[in-house]
Amino acid sequence: MNPETPSFPPATPRNASLDIAKGIGILAVAFSHNWIVDHEEGEWHQILFSFHLPLFFFLSGIFIQESQAMKTFALSRADALLKPYLTVLLLFCPLILWQGPASLAGYLGGMLYATGETIAVVPLWFLPHLFASLLFVKGLLPLLKDRHPRWLLTTALLLLAGGVHFIDFFWRRDLSAWPGFASFPETKLPGLPFSLDLLGISSAYLLFGYHFRQASRNFTPRILPVLAAFLGYCLLHYTFHETIDLNYRIYNSLLIDSLQAFLGIYLVMAFSAWIAGQAIFGPFLAYLGSASLFILAFHYIPQQMAFPLLAGYSDSNELIGMESFVIGIVASILAYELSRRAAWVGVFLLPMCKSGEKR
């Protein structure tokens, strides 16, 4: 999720369809944290969670520059991902401490541990984990660059299979039951720092994105494959009722969940390519894609706070849910525009150095 994009409507030679795909993906992420989706974890939850994070890992893989020096790459990714992560959590720190029983030391410690269970703005766990995954894949690519492409795909599949198999190995494990930790009080491990226990899954989708980077940039969807993908996606959901939730270490079926993720990615990419030339929806979704990091960072707290505040004005939770969703998106866009227009704000949230991404 990279905010290096001009204002709406975009007027640059960027690949519009990829920005649109990010726009669709970030709307799915924001809506997945809405009461409408979250309160009973029904069909909407299964559909949205089945593809939205694999989509973002796939898109991030498209922009990895294998020739870029590791030090330059690491600094640019820390600038683009870790800096806004720390800034937003520090910004919300007074509000969270005022509302709850958390201590400052606990809040800062959870922020540095960086998993969804240790931070207050839960969706932000994605940023430090993406940073770690990008560095891992960046270090892995030189070992694969002189091999046949099947080596990269085989490596990605092995990483995915291993990641799924061990997905809950470190999740909420009682440390006192492990050898050498018997004297510790009962402690539930919230995954590894930076969610490194998810590295196999995330790096696999990054590698898939890297492998299909040229095809993704020049993607021209055809009606029959898209229709087949849509029918297959619907059939899988109707038959198996499976989904993915990486924050809670849920990836129950390597085959079914992966098929749903790949079909979801394909459908989003196809839809994005089709509407890239549309005069209204294309530029608007591309603009949301350019602001995707800000929507990730700023939608959650306003949306969560708006729902109970609006509850006294309507008997329809669905209507209140949609209103709170809009409030979350608008608040995020305001933060994005403020950062672009006020240099003293942008220095804490916008990348200061170029990432080397090619569109």
Protein backbone atom coordinates (compact mmCIF):
# COMPACT_ATOMS: atom_id res chain seq x y z
CA MET A 1 0.00 0.00 0.00
CA ASN A 2 1.91 2.98 -1.25
CA PRO A 3 0.59 6.54 -1.02
CA GLU A 4 2.97 8.02 -3.60
CA THR A 5 0.23 9.25 -5.93
CA PRO A 6 -1.19 12.62 -7.02
CA SER A 7 -4.67 13.88 -6.23
CA PHE A 8 -7.95 12.85 -7.79
CA PRO A 9 -8.26 12.44 -10.68
CA PRO A 10 -4.82 10.93 -11.35
CA ALA A 11 -2.98 12.65 -14.19
CA THR A 12 0.19 10.58 -14.37
CA PRO A 13 1.31 7.65 -16.54
CA ARG A 14 0.94 5.21 -13.63
CA ASN A 15 -0.69 1.86 -14.30
CA ALA A 16 -4.27 2.81 -13.47
CA SER A 17 -5.56 -0.75 -13.21
CA LEU A 18 -3.10 -1.61 -10.43
CA ASP A 19 -4.11 1.48 -8.48
CA ILE A 20 -7.75 0.54 -9.00
CA ALA A 21 -7.04 -2.96 -7.69
CA LYS A 22 -5.52 -1.40 -4.57
CA GLY A 23 -8.58 0.84 -4.26
CA ILE A 24 -10.93 -2.15 -4.41
CA GLY A 25 -8.75 -4.07 -1.98
CA ILE A 26 -8.60 -1.30 0.60
CA LEU A 27 -12.37 -0.79 0.46
CA ALA A 28 -12.72 -4.51 1.15
CA VAL A 29 -10.31 -4.22 4.10
CA ALA A 30 -12.14 -1.22 5.59
CA PHE A 31 -15.57 -2.77 5.10
CA SER A 32 -14.40 -6.04 6.66
CA HIS A 33 -13.91 -4.12 9.94
CA ASN A 34 -17.46 -2.73 9.81
CA TRP A 35 -20.29 -3.93 12.07
CA ILE A 36 -22.18 -5.28 9.04
CA VAL A 37 -19.37 -7.76 8.36
CA ASP A 38 -17.92 -8.17 11.82
CA HIS A 39 -20.87 -8.74 14.12
CA GLU A 40 -21.65 -12.31 13.08
CA GLU A 41 -18.80 -13.20 10.70
CA GLY A 42 -21.23 -14.44 8.07
CA GLU A 43 -21.10 -14.57 4.29
CA TRP A 44 -19.69 -11.05 3.84
CA HIS A 45 -16.87 -11.92 6.24
CA GLN A 46 -16.02 -15.11 4.37
CA ILE A 47 -16.01 -13.40 0.98
CA LEU A 48 -13.94 -10.34 1.89
CA PHE A 49 -11.36 -12.11 4.04
CA SER A 50 -10.84 -14.82 1.45
CA PHE A 51 -8.91 -12.50 -0.88
CA HIS A 52 -8.19 -9.00 0.44
CA LEU A 53 -4.84 -9.58 2.19
CA PRO A 54 -3.53 -12.08 -0.40
CA LEU A 55 -4.41 -9.40 -2.98
CA PHE A 56 -2.25 -6.80 -1.24
CA PHE A 57 0.69 -9.17 -0.87
CA PHE A 58 0.35 -10.07 -4.56
CA LEU A 59 0.25 -6.39 -5.59
CA SER A 60 3.25 -5.60 -3.40
CA GLY A 61 5.20 -8.38 -5.10
CA ILE A 62 4.59 -6.81 -8.50
CA PHE A 63 6.65 -3.75 -7.51
CA ILE A 64 9.70 -5.48 -6.02
CA GLN A 65 12.82 -4.34 -7.87
CA GLU A 66 15.23 -7.27 -7.75
CA SER A 67 18.14 -5.10 -8.99
CA GLN A 68 17.79 -2.53 -6.21
CA ALA A 69 20.45 -2.70 -3.48
CA MET A 70 19.19 -4.33 -0.28
CA LYS A 71 20.15 -1.37 1.91
CA THR A 72 18.32 1.10 -0.35
CA PHE A 73 15.33 -1.22 -0.55
CA ALA A 74 15.17 -1.71 3.22
CA LEU A 75 15.44 2.02 3.94
CA SER A 76 12.75 2.91 1.42
CA ARG A 77 10.37 0.24 2.72
CA ALA A 78 10.97 1.29 6.34
CA ASP A 79 10.26 4.86 5.31
CA ALA A 80 7.02 3.89 3.54
CA LEU A 81 5.73 1.27 5.99
CA LEU A 82 7.29 1.46 9.45
CA LYS A 83 7.28 5.26 9.73
CA PRO A 84 3.49 5.65 9.28
CA TYR A 85 2.92 2.58 11.47
CA LEU A 86 4.77 4.19 14.37
CA THR A 87 3.35 7.65 13.69
CA VAL A 88 -0.30 6.55 13.71
CA LEU A 89 0.05 4.42 16.84
CA LEU A 90 1.79 7.26 18.68
CA LEU A 91 -0.89 9.66 17.46
CA PHE A 92 -3.70 7.52 18.90
CA CYS A 93 -1.77 6.67 22.09
CA PRO A 94 -3.34 9.39 24.31
CA LEU A 95 -6.88 8.45 23.19
CA ILE A 96 -6.34 4.73 23.81
CA LEU A 97 -4.74 5.28 27.22
CA TRP A 98 -7.56 7.64 28.22
CA GLN A 99 -10.24 5.12 27.21
CA GLY A 100 -8.77 1.93 28.61
CA PRO A 101 -6.69 0.33 31.37
CA ALA A 102 -3.52 -0.06 29.27
CA SER A 103 -0.29 1.40 30.61
CA LEU A 104 2.10 3.49 28.56
CA ALA A 105 4.81 0.84 28.88
CA GLY A 106 2.39 -1.87 27.76
CA TYR A 107 1.19 0.23 24.84
CA LEU A 108 4.71 0.98 23.61
CA GLY A 109 5.81 -2.62 24.14
CA GLY A 110 2.87 -3.90 22.11
CA MET A 111 3.65 -1.38 19.40
CA LEU A 112 7.20 -2.70 19.11
CA TYR A 113 6.07 -6.35 19.20
CA ALA A 114 3.76 -5.41 16.31
CA THR A 115 1.03 -8.02 16.00
CA GLY A 116 -2.72 -7.52 15.79
CA GLU A 117 -3.14 -8.67 19.40
CA THR A 118 -0.60 -6.21 20.81
CA ILE A 119 -1.64 -2.93 19.13
CA ALA A 120 -4.75 -0.75 19.47
CA VAL A 121 -5.24 0.01 15.76
CA VAL A 122 -5.50 -3.64 14.77
CA PRO A 123 -5.25 -3.34 10.93
CA LEU A 124 -1.81 -1.75 11.26
CA TRP A 125 -0.25 -5.14 12.02
CA PHE A 126 -0.09 -5.55 8.25
CA LEU A 127 2.57 -2.83 7.79
CA PRO A 128 5.46 -4.22 9.88
CA HIS A 129 4.69 -7.71 8.64
CA LEU A 130 4.74 -6.55 5.01
CA PHE A 131 8.08 -4.87 5.71
CA ALA A 132 9.55 -8.11 7.08
CA SER A 133 8.09 -10.18 4.22
CA LEU A 134 9.46 -7.81 1.58
CA LEU A 135 12.96 -8.02 3.06
CA PHE A 136 12.74 -11.82 3.17
CA VAL A 137 11.64 -12.08 -0.46
CA LYS A 138 14.19 -9.47 -1.54
CA GLY A 139 16.93 -11.60 0.01
CA LEU A 140 15.52 -14.76 -1.55
CA LEU A 141 15.26 -13.50 -5.14
CA PRO A 142 19.03 -13.54 -5.91
CA LEU A 143 19.01 -17.27 -5.16
CA LEU A 144 16.26 -17.80 -7.75
CA LYS A 145 17.04 -15.27 -10.49
CA ASP A 146 19.27 -17.57 -12.58
CA ARG A 147 16.95 -20.53 -12.25
CA HIS A 148 14.06 -21.54 -14.46
CA PRO A 149 10.80 -19.72 -13.50
CA ARG A 150 9.41 -23.01 -12.20
CA TRP A 151 11.90 -22.76 -9.32
CA LEU A 152 10.32 -19.52 -8.16
CA LEU A 153 6.81 -20.95 -8.39
CA THR A 154 7.88 -24.16 -6.64
CA THR A 155 9.51 -22.14 -3.87
CA ALA A 156 6.35 -20.05 -3.49
CA LEU A 157 4.17 -23.16 -3.26
CA LEU A 158 6.48 -24.77 -0.69
CA LEU A 159 6.48 -21.59 1.40
CA LEU A 160 2.70 -21.43 1.20
CA ALA A 161 2.27 -25.07 2.19
CA GLY A 162 4.70 -24.72 5.10
CA GLY A 163 3.14 -21.46 6.21
CA VAL A 164 -0.35 -22.95 6.25
CA HIS A 165 0.79 -26.09 8.06
CA PHE A 166 2.50 -24.14 10.87
CA ILE A 167 0.15 -21.15 10.90
CA ASP A 168 -1.00 -21.62 14.51
CA PHE A 169 2.22 -23.06 15.93
CA PHE A 170 3.05 -19.83 17.81
CA TRP A 171 -0.51 -18.55 18.09
CA ARG A 172 -1.75 -18.15 21.66
CA ARG A 173 0.61 -20.87 22.85
CA ASP A 174 1.14 -21.10 26.59
CA LEU A 175 4.85 -20.42 27.05
CA SER A 176 4.88 -22.00 30.51
CA ALA A 177 4.21 -25.39 28.87
CA TRP A 178 7.35 -25.19 26.72
CA PRO A 179 10.70 -26.67 27.82
CA GLY A 180 12.79 -24.04 29.56
CA PHE A 181 9.78 -21.81 30.35
CA ALA A 182 8.23 -23.82 33.18
CA SER A 183 9.01 -21.11 35.74
CA PHE A 184 7.21 -18.46 33.67
CA PRO A 185 3.66 -17.43 34.61
CA GLU A 186 0.99 -18.51 32.13
CA THR A 187 1.60 -16.38 29.04
CA LYS A 188 -0.29 -16.65 25.76
CA LEU A 189 2.05 -15.87 22.87
CA PRO A 190 0.36 -13.45 20.40
CA GLY A 191 2.26 -14.89 17.45
CA LEU A 192 5.86 -13.90 16.76
CA PRO A 193 7.03 -10.27 16.63
CA PHE A 194 6.07 -8.59 13.35
CA SER A 195 3.82 -11.64 12.79
CA LEU A 196 6.85 -13.53 11.48
CA ASP A 197 4.93 -16.78 11.96
CA LEU A 198 2.97 -15.75 8.83
CA LEU A 199 6.10 -15.28 6.73
CA GLY A 200 5.61 -18.42 4.63
CA ILE A 201 2.13 -17.37 3.50
CA SER A 202 2.84 -13.70 2.86
CA SER A 203 6.15 -14.31 1.08
CA ALA A 204 4.46 -16.88 -1.17
CA TYR A 205 1.92 -14.34 -2.41
CA LEU A 206 4.69 -11.76 -2.81
CA LEU A 207 6.60 -14.24 -5.00
CA PHE A 208 3.47 -14.95 -7.05
CA GLY A 209 3.05 -11.22 -7.61
CA TYR A 210 6.69 -10.85 -8.58
CA HIS A 211 6.49 -13.77 -11.00
CA PHE A 212 3.35 -12.43 -12.71
CA ARG A 213 4.44 -8.76 -12.62
CA GLN A 214 4.59 -8.24 -16.37
CA ALA A 215 1.36 -10.13 -17.02
CA SER A 216 -0.35 -8.08 -14.31
CA ARG A 217 0.79 -4.77 -15.77
CA ASN A 218 -0.42 -5.74 -19.24
CA PHE A 219 -3.45 -7.77 -18.20
CA THR A 220 -6.31 -7.91 -20.70
CA PRO A 221 -9.24 -9.90 -19.25
CA ARG A 222 -11.39 -12.12 -21.43
CA ILE A 223 -15.03 -12.75 -20.70
CA LEU A 224 -15.03 -16.57 -20.63
CA PRO A 225 -12.09 -17.02 -18.20
CA VAL A 226 -13.51 -14.27 -15.99
CA LEU A 227 -16.95 -15.89 -16.00
CA ALA A 228 -15.39 -19.28 -15.19
CA ALA A 229 -13.38 -17.72 -12.34
CA PHE A 230 -16.48 -16.04 -10.93
CA LEU A 231 -18.52 -19.25 -11.05
CA GLY A 232 -15.67 -21.21 -9.50
CA TYR A 233 -15.26 -18.64 -6.73
CA CYS A 234 -18.98 -18.72 -5.93
CA LEU A 235 -19.09 -22.52 -6.03
CA LEU A 236 -16.16 -22.83 -3.62
CA HIS A 237 -17.75 -20.44 -1.14
CA TYR A 238 -21.17 -22.08 -1.42
CA THR A 239 -19.73 -25.58 -1.00
CA PHE A 240 -17.01 -25.20 1.61
CA HIS A 241 -17.72 -21.94 3.53
CA GLU A 242 -13.98 -21.41 3.99
CA THR A 243 -12.09 -18.15 4.43
CA ILE A 244 -8.75 -16.69 5.53
CA ASP A 245 -8.01 -14.50 8.55
CA LEU A 246 -4.27 -14.09 8.89
CA ASN A 247 -4.53 -11.84 11.95
CA TYR A 248 -6.23 -14.73 13.79
CA ARG A 249 -4.06 -17.36 12.05
CA ILE A 250 -6.93 -18.91 10.10
CA TYR A 251 -6.06 -20.69 6.85
CA ASN A 252 -7.78 -24.03 7.24
CA SER A 253 -7.42 -25.57 3.79
CA LEU A 254 -4.32 -25.14 1.66
CA LEU A 255 -6.22 -26.12 -1.49
CA ILE A 256 -9.63 -24.46 -1.02
CA ASP A 257 -8.48 -21.26 0.68
CA SER A 258 -5.66 -20.79 -1.83
CA LEU A 259 -7.97 -21.38 -4.80
CA GLN A 260 -10.42 -18.81 -3.42
CA ALA A 261 -7.58 -16.32 -2.89
CA PHE A 262 -6.19 -16.78 -6.41
CA LEU A 263 -9.64 -16.56 -8.01
CA GLY A 264 -10.43 -13.45 -5.94
CA ILE A 265 -7.16 -11.81 -7.03
CA TYR A 266 -7.86 -12.68 -10.66
CA LEU A 267 -11.39 -11.25 -10.50
CA VAL A 268 -10.21 -8.00 -8.89
CA MET A 269 -7.46 -7.63 -11.48
CA ALA A 270 -9.93 -8.29 -14.31
CA PHE A 271 -12.49 -5.82 -12.98
CA SER A 272 -9.77 -3.22 -12.45
CA ALA A 273 -8.53 -3.58 -16.02
CA TRP A 274 -12.06 -3.25 -17.38
CA ILE A 275 -12.92 -0.05 -15.55
CA ALA A 276 -9.49 1.61 -15.88
CA GLY A 277 -10.81 3.70 -18.77
CA GLN A 278 -14.07 4.69 -17.12
CA ALA A 279 -14.41 8.43 -16.64
CA ILE A 280 -15.72 8.36 -13.06
CA PHE A 281 -15.30 5.04 -11.26
CA GLY A 282 -11.83 4.32 -12.65
CA PRO A 283 -10.16 7.56 -11.44
CA PHE A 284 -12.04 7.48 -8.13
CA LEU A 285 -10.95 3.92 -7.29
CA ALA A 286 -7.40 4.71 -8.47
CA TYR A 287 -7.40 7.67 -6.10
CA LEU A 288 -8.51 5.42 -3.23
CA GLY A 289 -5.73 3.04 -4.21
CA SER A 290 -3.22 5.88 -3.96
CA ALA A 291 -4.54 6.63 -0.47
CA SER A 292 -4.69 2.96 0.56
CA LEU A 293 -2.07 3.24 3.29
CA PHE A 294 -3.99 6.13 4.86
CA ILE A 295 -7.29 4.26 4.63
CA LEU A 296 -5.66 1.27 6.31
CA ALA A 297 -4.25 3.47 9.06
CA PHE A 298 -7.12 5.86 9.72
CA HIS A 299 -10.41 4.10 8.93
CA TYR A 300 -10.51 1.83 11.97
CA ILE A 301 -10.80 4.17 14.97
CA PRO A 302 -13.31 6.64 13.38
CA GLN A 303 -15.44 3.76 12.09
CA GLN A 304 -15.45 2.00 15.47
CA MET A 305 -16.25 5.21 17.34
CA ALA A 306 -18.93 6.37 14.88
CA PHE A 307 -21.13 3.28 15.18
CA PRO A 308 -22.18 3.69 18.85
CA LEU A 309 -22.47 7.47 18.45
CA LEU A 310 -24.91 7.06 15.54
CA ALA A 311 -26.90 4.28 17.20
CA GLY A 312 -29.24 6.73 18.90
CA TYR A 313 -30.36 8.24 15.59
CA SER A 314 -31.56 5.11 13.77
CA ASP A 315 -33.02 1.68 14.46
CA SER A 316 -31.22 0.17 11.46
CA ASN A 317 -27.81 -1.22 12.35
CA GLU A 318 -27.15 -1.79 8.65
CA LEU A 319 -27.71 1.90 7.89
CA ILE A 320 -25.54 2.93 10.84
CA GLY A 321 -22.88 0.48 9.65
CA MET A 322 -22.80 2.05 6.18
CA GLU A 323 -22.68 5.56 7.66
CA SER A 324 -19.79 4.63 9.94
CA PHE A 325 -18.01 3.02 6.97
CA VAL A 326 -18.30 6.27 5.00
CA ILE A 327 -17.06 8.23 8.01
CA GLY A 328 -14.00 5.99 8.25
CA ILE A 329 -13.18 6.43 4.56
CA VAL A 330 -13.73 10.21 4.63
CA ALA A 331 -11.56 10.59 7.74
CA SER A 332 -8.81 8.64 6.00
CA ILE A 333 -9.00 10.77 2.86
CA LEU A 334 -8.84 13.95 4.94
CA ALA A 335 -5.69 12.65 6.63
CA TYR A 336 -4.23 11.82 3.21
CA GLU A 337 -4.97 15.24 1.76
CA LEU A 338 -3.68 17.01 4.87
CA SER A 339 -0.43 15.06 4.62
CA ARG A 340 -0.03 16.01 0.96
CA ARG A 341 -0.72 19.69 1.55
CA ALA A 342 1.00 20.28 4.91
CA ALA A 343 4.69 19.42 4.70
CA TRP A 344 5.06 19.17 8.48
CA VAL A 345 2.38 16.44 8.52
CA GLY A 346 3.59 14.65 5.41
CA VAL A 347 7.09 14.23 6.79
CA PHE A 348 5.70 11.81 9.40
CA LEU A 349 3.36 9.87 7.10
CA LEU A 350 4.50 10.14 3.49
CA PRO A 351 7.62 8.46 2.10
CA MET A 352 10.60 10.80 1.95
CA CYS A 353 12.58 8.66 -0.47
CA LYS A 354 11.61 6.90 -3.67
CA SER A 355 10.92 3.20 -3.45
CA GLY A 356 12.03 2.38 -6.96
CA GLU A 357 8.66 0.97 -7.89
CA LYS A 358 7.91 0.84 -11.57
CA ARG A 359 4.40 1.01 -12.89
